[in-house]
């Protein structure tokens, strides 16, 4: 990635979920979790990231998902 890193992204999340994400993303990708987050953001912006909602999420939050 040759893009200039000139901004920050901050989000509040449950501590246990954050640690699980850090551990799992670093194990799966072999990269620091911050790099993985940047990769996910870039993939989303380019239309390459797909999130598959659970059936419960489709029912409760259908308006934010393209439910076909």
PDB file of N, CA and C in Angstrom:
ATOM      1  N   UNK A   1       0.847  -1.166   0.000  1.00  0.00           N
ATOM      2  CA  UNK A   1       0.000   0.000   0.000  1.00  0.00           C
ATOM      3  C   UNK A   1       0.898   1.236   0.000  1.00  0.00           C
ATOM      4  N   UNK A   2       0.756   2.075  -0.972  1.00  0.00           N
ATOM      5  CA  UNK A   2       1.594   3.257  -1.068  1.00  0.00           C
ATOM      6  C   UNK A   2       0.861   4.528  -0.646  1.00  0.00           C
ATOM      7  N   UNK A   3      -0.388   4.395  -0.205  1.00  0.00           N
ATOM      8  CA  UNK A   3      -1.152   5.565   0.205  1.00  0.00           C
ATOM      9  C   UNK A   3      -0.568   6.192   1.459  1.00  0.00           C
ATOM     10  N   UNK A   4      -0.616   7.518   1.511  1.00  0.00           N
ATOM     11  CA  UNK A   4      -0.164   8.260   2.682  1.00  0.00           C
ATOM     12  C   UNK A   4      -1.159   8.034   3.823  1.00  0.00           C
ATOM     13  N   UNK A   5      -0.663   7.648   4.971  1.00  0.00           N
ATOM     14  CA  UNK A   5      -1.515   7.417   6.139  1.00  0.00           C
ATOM     15  C   UNK A   5      -1.593   8.725   6.912  1.00  0.00           C
ATOM     16  N   UNK A   6      -2.619   9.529   6.620  1.00  0.00           N
ATOM     17  CA  UNK A   6      -2.690  10.881   7.161  1.00  0.00           C
ATOM     18  C   UNK A   6      -3.939  11.152   7.998  1.00  0.00           C
ATOM     19  N   UNK A   7      -4.631  10.106   8.421  1.00  0.00           N
ATOM     20  CA  UNK A   7      -5.820  10.310   9.247  1.00  0.00           C
ATOM     21  C   UNK A   7      -5.955   9.149  10.221  1.00  0.00           C
ATOM     22  N   UNK A   8      -6.920   9.246  11.132  1.00  0.00           N
ATOM     23  CA  UNK A   8      -7.139   8.226  12.151  1.00  0.00           C
ATOM     24  C   UNK A   8      -8.579   7.754  12.103  1.00  0.00           C
ATOM     25  N   UNK A   9      -8.804   6.550  12.586  1.00  0.00           N
ATOM     26  CA  UNK A   9     -10.130   5.954  12.688  1.00  0.00           C
ATOM     27  C   UNK A   9     -10.263   5.415  14.106  1.00  0.00           C
ATOM     28  N   UNK A  10     -11.306   5.821  14.808  1.00  0.00           N
ATOM     29  CA  UNK A  10     -11.476   5.376  16.192  1.00  0.00           C
ATOM     30  C   UNK A  10     -12.912   4.901  16.376  1.00  0.00           C
ATOM     31  N   UNK A  11     -13.052   3.770  17.054  1.00  0.00           N
ATOM     32  CA  UNK A  11     -14.371   3.215  17.312  1.00  0.00           C
ATOM     33  C   UNK A  11     -14.365   2.552  18.693  1.00  0.00           C
ATOM     34  N   UNK A  12     -15.477   2.685  19.394  1.00  0.00           N
ATOM     35  CA  UNK A  12     -15.593   2.023  20.694  1.00  0.00           C
ATOM     36  C   UNK A  12     -16.147   0.623  20.476  1.00  0.00           C
ATOM     37  N   UNK A  13     -15.595  -0.331  21.219  1.00  0.00           N
ATOM     38  CA  UNK A  13     -16.024  -1.732  21.084  1.00  0.00           C
ATOM     39  C   UNK A  13     -15.771  -2.449  22.412  1.00  0.00           C
ATOM     40  N   UNK A  14     -16.474  -3.524  22.608  1.00  0.00           N
ATOM     41  CA  UNK A  14     -16.297  -4.359  23.788  1.00  0.00           C
ATOM     42  C   UNK A  14     -14.865  -4.892  23.811  1.00  0.00           C
ATOM     43  N   UNK A  15     -14.230  -4.831  24.949  1.00  0.00           N
ATOM     44  CA  UNK A  15     -12.836  -5.225  25.090  1.00  0.00           C
ATOM     45  C   UNK A  15     -12.553  -6.676  24.741  1.00  0.00           C
ATOM     46  N   UNK A  16     -13.448  -7.571  25.134  1.00  0.00           N
ATOM     47  CA  UNK A  16     -13.263  -8.990  24.839  1.00  0.00           C
ATOM     48  C   UNK A  16     -13.356  -9.220  23.330  1.00  0.00           C
ATOM     49  N   UNK A  17     -14.340  -8.574  22.682  1.00  0.00           N
ATOM     50  CA  UNK A  17     -14.485  -8.717  21.234  1.00  0.00           C
ATOM     51  C   UNK A  17     -13.270  -8.146  20.501  1.00  0.00           C
ATOM     52  N   UNK A  18     -12.730  -7.041  20.998  1.00  0.00           N
ATOM     53  CA  UNK A  18     -11.545  -6.450  20.380  1.00  0.00           C
ATOM     54  C   UNK A  18     -10.354  -7.398  20.487  1.00  0.00           C
ATOM     55  N   UNK A  19     -10.139  -7.967  21.647  1.00  0.00           N
ATOM     56  CA  UNK A  19      -9.005  -8.878  21.819  1.00  0.00           C
ATOM     57  C   UNK A  19      -9.152 -10.108  20.932  1.00  0.00           C
ATOM     58  N   UNK A  20     -10.377 -10.622  20.841  1.00  0.00           N
ATOM     59  CA  UNK A  20     -10.632 -11.764  19.966  1.00  0.00           C
ATOM     60  C   UNK A  20     -10.312 -11.397  18.518  1.00  0.00           C
ATOM     61  N   UNK A  21     -10.740 -10.210  18.085  1.00  0.00           N
ATOM     62  CA  UNK A  21     -10.453  -9.750  16.722  1.00  0.00           C
ATOM     63  C   UNK A  21      -8.956  -9.622  16.484  1.00  0.00           C
ATOM     64  N   UNK A  22      -8.255  -9.015  17.445  1.00  0.00           N
ATOM     65  CA  UNK A  22      -6.802  -8.852  17.311  1.00  0.00           C
ATOM     66  C   UNK A  22      -6.118 -10.204  17.166  1.00  0.00           C
ATOM     67  N   UNK A  23      -6.447 -11.121  18.066  1.00  0.00           N
ATOM     68  CA  UNK A  23      -5.816 -12.446  18.047  1.00  0.00           C
ATOM     69  C   UNK A  23      -6.123 -13.198  16.752  1.00  0.00           C
ATOM     70  N   UNK A  24      -7.396 -13.219  16.381  1.00  0.00           N
ATOM     71  CA  UNK A  24      -7.801 -13.989  15.210  1.00  0.00           C
ATOM     72  C   UNK A  24      -7.278 -13.370  13.919  1.00  0.00           C
ATOM     73  N   UNK A  25      -7.358 -12.047  13.781  1.00  0.00           N
ATOM     74  CA  UNK A  25      -6.912 -11.414  12.536  1.00  0.00           C
ATOM     75  C   UNK A  25      -5.402 -11.572  12.352  1.00  0.00           C
ATOM     76  N   UNK A  26      -4.648 -11.456  13.423  1.00  0.00           N
ATOM     77  CA  UNK A  26      -3.197 -11.613  13.309  1.00  0.00           C
ATOM     78  C   UNK A  26      -2.822 -13.065  13.012  1.00  0.00           C
ATOM     79  N   UNK A  27      -3.580 -14.011  13.571  1.00  0.00           N
ATOM     80  CA  UNK A  27      -3.310 -15.427  13.310  1.00  0.00           C
ATOM     81  C   UNK A  27      -3.640 -15.775  11.857  1.00  0.00           C
ATOM     82  N   UNK A  28      -4.765 -15.292  11.365  1.00  0.00           N
ATOM     83  CA  UNK A  28      -5.221 -15.619  10.015  1.00  0.00           C
ATOM     84  C   UNK A  28      -4.390 -14.921   8.940  1.00  0.00           C
ATOM     85  N   UNK A  29      -4.057 -13.648   9.154  1.00  0.00           N
ATOM     86  CA  UNK A  29      -3.382 -12.872   8.113  1.00  0.00           C
ATOM     87  C   UNK A  29      -1.873 -12.820   8.265  1.00  0.00           C
ATOM     88  N   UNK A  30      -1.383 -13.021   9.485  1.00  0.00           N
ATOM     89  CA  UNK A  30       0.049 -12.878   9.737  1.00  0.00           C
ATOM     90  C   UNK A  30       0.477 -11.416   9.767  1.00  0.00           C
ATOM     91  N   UNK A  31      -0.498 -10.512   9.834  1.00  0.00           N
ATOM     92  CA  UNK A  31      -0.232  -9.071   9.858  1.00  0.00           C
ATOM     93  C   UNK A  31      -0.789  -8.483  11.145  1.00  0.00           C
ATOM     94  N   UNK A  32      -0.287  -7.319  11.560  1.00  0.00           N
ATOM     95  CA  UNK A  32      -0.909  -6.634  12.694  1.00  0.00           C
ATOM     96  C   UNK A  32      -2.378  -6.327  12.374  1.00  0.00           C
ATOM     97  N   UNK A  33      -3.226  -6.326  13.371  1.00  0.00           N
ATOM     98  CA  UNK A  33      -4.658  -6.121  13.143  1.00  0.00           C
ATOM     99  C   UNK A  33      -4.946  -4.785  12.485  1.00  0.00           C
ATOM    100  N   UNK A  34      -4.111  -3.776  12.733  1.00  0.00           N
ATOM    101  CA  UNK A  34      -4.328  -2.465  12.110  1.00  0.00           C
ATOM    102  C   UNK A  34      -4.205  -2.551  10.590  1.00  0.00           C
ATOM    103  N   UNK A  35      -3.261  -3.341  10.116  1.00  0.00           N
ATOM    104  CA  UNK A  35      -3.083  -3.520   8.671  1.00  0.00           C
ATOM    105  C   UNK A  35      -4.296  -4.250   8.102  1.00  0.00           C
ATOM    106  N   UNK A  36      -4.786  -5.233   8.828  1.00  0.00           N
ATOM    107  CA  UNK A  36      -5.966  -5.964   8.390  1.00  0.00           C
ATOM    108  C   UNK A  36      -7.175  -5.035   8.278  1.00  0.00           C
ATOM    109  N   UNK A  37      -7.356  -4.139   9.241  1.00  0.00           N
ATOM    110  CA  UNK A  37      -8.463  -3.182   9.187  1.00  0.00           C
ATOM    111  C   UNK A  37      -8.321  -2.276   7.965  1.00  0.00           C
ATOM    112  N   UNK A  38      -7.102  -1.796   7.694  1.00  0.00           N
ATOM    113  CA  UNK A  38      -6.900  -0.972   6.492  1.00  0.00           C
ATOM    114  C   UNK A  38      -7.224  -1.757   5.235  1.00  0.00           C
ATOM    115  N   UNK A  39      -6.823  -3.031   5.184  1.00  0.00           N
ATOM    116  CA  UNK A  39      -7.131  -3.877   4.028  1.00  0.00           C
ATOM    117  C   UNK A  39      -8.646  -4.042   3.862  1.00  0.00           C
ATOM    118  N   UNK A  40      -9.359  -4.247   4.974  1.00  0.00           N
ATOM    119  CA  UNK A  40     -10.812  -4.393   4.902  1.00  0.00           C
ATOM    120  C   UNK A  40     -11.467  -3.108   4.416  1.00  0.00           C
ATOM    121  N   UNK A  41     -11.011  -1.962   4.906  1.00  0.00           N
ATOM    122  CA  UNK A  41     -11.583  -0.685   4.484  1.00  0.00           C
ATOM    123  C   UNK A  41     -11.358  -0.458   2.993  1.00  0.00           C
ATOM    124  N   UNK A  42     -10.162  -0.777   2.522  1.00  0.00           N
ATOM    125  CA  UNK A  42      -9.855  -0.618   1.105  1.00  0.00           C
ATOM    126  C   UNK A  42     -10.721  -1.560   0.263  1.00  0.00           C
ATOM    127  N   UNK A  43     -10.862  -2.801   0.710  1.00  0.00           N
ATOM    128  CA  UNK A  43     -11.697  -3.762  -0.014  1.00  0.00           C
ATOM    129  C   UNK A  43     -13.153  -3.295  -0.048  1.00  0.00           C
ATOM    130  N   UNK A  44     -13.653  -2.756   1.040  1.00  0.00           N
ATOM    131  CA  UNK A  44     -15.026  -2.251   1.087  1.00  0.00           C
ATOM    132  C   UNK A  44     -15.196  -1.104   0.104  1.00  0.00           C
ATOM    133  N   UNK A  45     -14.259  -0.172   0.119  1.00  0.00           N
ATOM    134  CA  UNK A  45     -14.339   0.983  -0.781  1.00  0.00           C
ATOM    135  C   UNK A  45     -14.301   0.565  -2.247  1.00  0.00           C
ATOM    136  N   UNK A  46     -13.622  -0.523  -2.539  1.00  0.00           N
ATOM    137  CA  UNK A  46     -13.506  -1.014  -3.918  1.00  0.00           C
ATOM    138  C   UNK A  46     -14.596  -2.023  -4.279  1.00  0.00           C
ATOM    139  N   UNK A  47     -15.504  -2.284  -3.344  1.00  0.00           N
ATOM    140  CA  UNK A  47     -16.588  -3.221  -3.621  1.00  0.00           C
ATOM    141  C   UNK A  47     -16.175  -4.677  -3.566  1.00  0.00           C
ATOM    142  N   UNK A  48     -15.075  -4.979  -2.884  1.00  0.00           N
ATOM    143  CA  UNK A  48     -14.584  -6.354  -2.807  1.00  0.00           C
ATOM    144  C   UNK A  48     -14.896  -7.031  -1.474  1.00  0.00           C
ATOM    145  N   UNK A  49     -15.519  -6.319  -0.550  1.00  0.00           N
ATOM    146  CA  UNK A  49     -15.799  -6.883   0.775  1.00  0.00           C
ATOM    147  C   UNK A  49     -17.278  -7.229   0.873  1.00  0.00           C
ATOM    148  N   UNK A  50     -17.558  -8.428   1.328  1.00  0.00           N
ATOM    149  CA  UNK A  50     -18.943  -8.867   1.479  1.00  0.00           C
ATOM    150  C   UNK A  50     -19.156  -9.346   2.900  1.00  0.00           C
ATOM    151  N   UNK A  51     -20.176  -8.827   3.546  1.00  0.00           N
ATOM    152  CA  UNK A  51     -20.557  -9.259   4.889  1.00  0.00           C
ATOM    153  C   UNK A  51     -21.865 -10.012   4.752  1.00  0.00           C
ATOM    154  N   UNK A  52     -21.870 -11.253   5.179  1.00  0.00           N
ATOM    155  CA  UNK A  52     -23.066 -12.077   5.079  1.00  0.00           C
ATOM    156  C   UNK A  52     -23.777 -12.037   6.432  1.00  0.00           C
ATOM    157  N   UNK A  53     -24.946 -11.401   6.487  1.00  0.00           N
ATOM    158  CA  UNK A  53     -25.659 -11.310   7.766  1.00  0.00           C
ATOM    159  C   UNK A  53     -26.288 -12.651   8.155  1.00  0.00           C
ATOM    160  N   UNK A  54     -26.434 -12.834   9.460  1.00  0.00           N
ATOM    161  CA  UNK A  54     -27.156 -14.005   9.952  1.00  0.00           C
ATOM    162  C   UNK A  54     -28.635 -13.813   9.627  1.00  0.00           C
ATOM    163  N   UNK A  55     -29.398 -14.878   9.734  1.00  0.00           N
ATOM    164  CA  UNK A  55     -30.844 -14.767   9.491  1.00  0.00           C
ATOM    165  C   UNK A  55     -31.479 -13.775  10.461  1.00  0.00           C
ATOM    166  N   UNK A  56     -31.034 -13.796  11.717  1.00  0.00           N
ATOM    167  CA  UNK A  56     -31.569 -12.864  12.712  1.00  0.00           C
ATOM    168  C   UNK A  56     -31.252 -11.420  12.330  1.00  0.00           C
ATOM    169  N   UNK A  57     -30.038 -11.156  11.859  1.00  0.00           N
ATOM    170  CA  UNK A  57     -29.677  -9.807  11.428  1.00  0.00           C
ATOM    171  C   UNK A  57     -30.521  -9.360  10.240  1.00  0.00           C
ATOM    172  N   UNK A  58     -30.802 -10.271   9.330  1.00  0.00           N
ATOM    173  CA  UNK A  58     -31.640  -9.929   8.176  1.00  0.00           C
ATOM    174  C   UNK A  58     -33.017  -9.455   8.634  1.00  0.00           C
ATOM    175  N   UNK A  59     -33.555 -10.122   9.626  1.00  0.00           N
ATOM    176  CA  UNK A  59     -34.888  -9.771  10.129  1.00  0.00           C
ATOM    177  C   UNK A  59     -34.840  -8.457  10.902  1.00  0.00           C
ATOM    178  N   UNK A  60     -33.876  -8.338  11.819  1.00  0.00           N
ATOM    179  CA  UNK A  60     -33.812  -7.161  12.676  1.00  0.00           C
ATOM    180  C   UNK A  60     -33.278  -5.918  11.977  1.00  0.00           C
ATOM    181  N   UNK A  61     -32.305  -6.103  11.080  1.00  0.00           N
ATOM    182  CA  UNK A  61     -31.632  -4.963  10.464  1.00  0.00           C
ATOM    183  C   UNK A  61     -31.721  -4.992   8.950  1.00  0.00           C
ATOM    184  N   UNK A  62     -32.761  -5.558   8.424  1.00  0.00           N
ATOM    185  CA  UNK A  62     -32.904  -5.716   6.985  1.00  0.00           C
ATOM    186  C   UNK A  62     -32.707  -4.440   6.203  1.00  0.00           C
ATOM    187  N   UNK A  63     -33.033  -3.311   6.796  1.00  0.00           N
ATOM    188  CA  UNK A  63     -32.924  -2.052   6.065  1.00  0.00           C
ATOM    189  C   UNK A  63     -31.485  -1.658   5.761  1.00  0.00           C
ATOM    190  N   UNK A  64     -30.489  -2.204   6.464  1.00  0.00           N
ATOM    191  CA  UNK A  64     -29.104  -1.830   6.162  1.00  0.00           C
ATOM    192  C   UNK A  64     -28.409  -2.873   5.291  1.00  0.00           C
ATOM    193  N   UNK A  65     -29.089  -3.976   5.021  1.00  0.00           N
ATOM    194  CA  UNK A  65     -28.526  -5.012   4.172  1.00  0.00           C
ATOM    195  C   UNK A  65     -29.353  -5.107   2.893  1.00  0.00           C
ATOM    196  N   UNK A  66     -28.703  -5.473   1.813  1.00  0.00           N
ATOM    197  CA  UNK A  66     -29.444  -5.759   0.580  1.00  0.00           C
ATOM    198  C   UNK A  66     -29.969  -7.172   0.694  1.00  0.00           C
ATOM    199  N   UNK A  67     -31.202  -7.287   1.118  1.00  0.00           N
ATOM    200  CA  UNK A  67     -31.810  -8.590   1.312  1.00  0.00           C
ATOM    201  C   UNK A  67     -32.498  -8.981   0.011  1.00  0.00           C
ATOM    202  N   UNK A  68     -31.980 -10.007  -0.634  1.00  0.00           N
ATOM    203  CA  UNK A  68     -32.531 -10.449  -1.922  1.00  0.00           C
ATOM    204  C   UNK A  68     -33.551 -11.535  -1.743  1.00  0.00           C
TER     205      UNK A  68
END
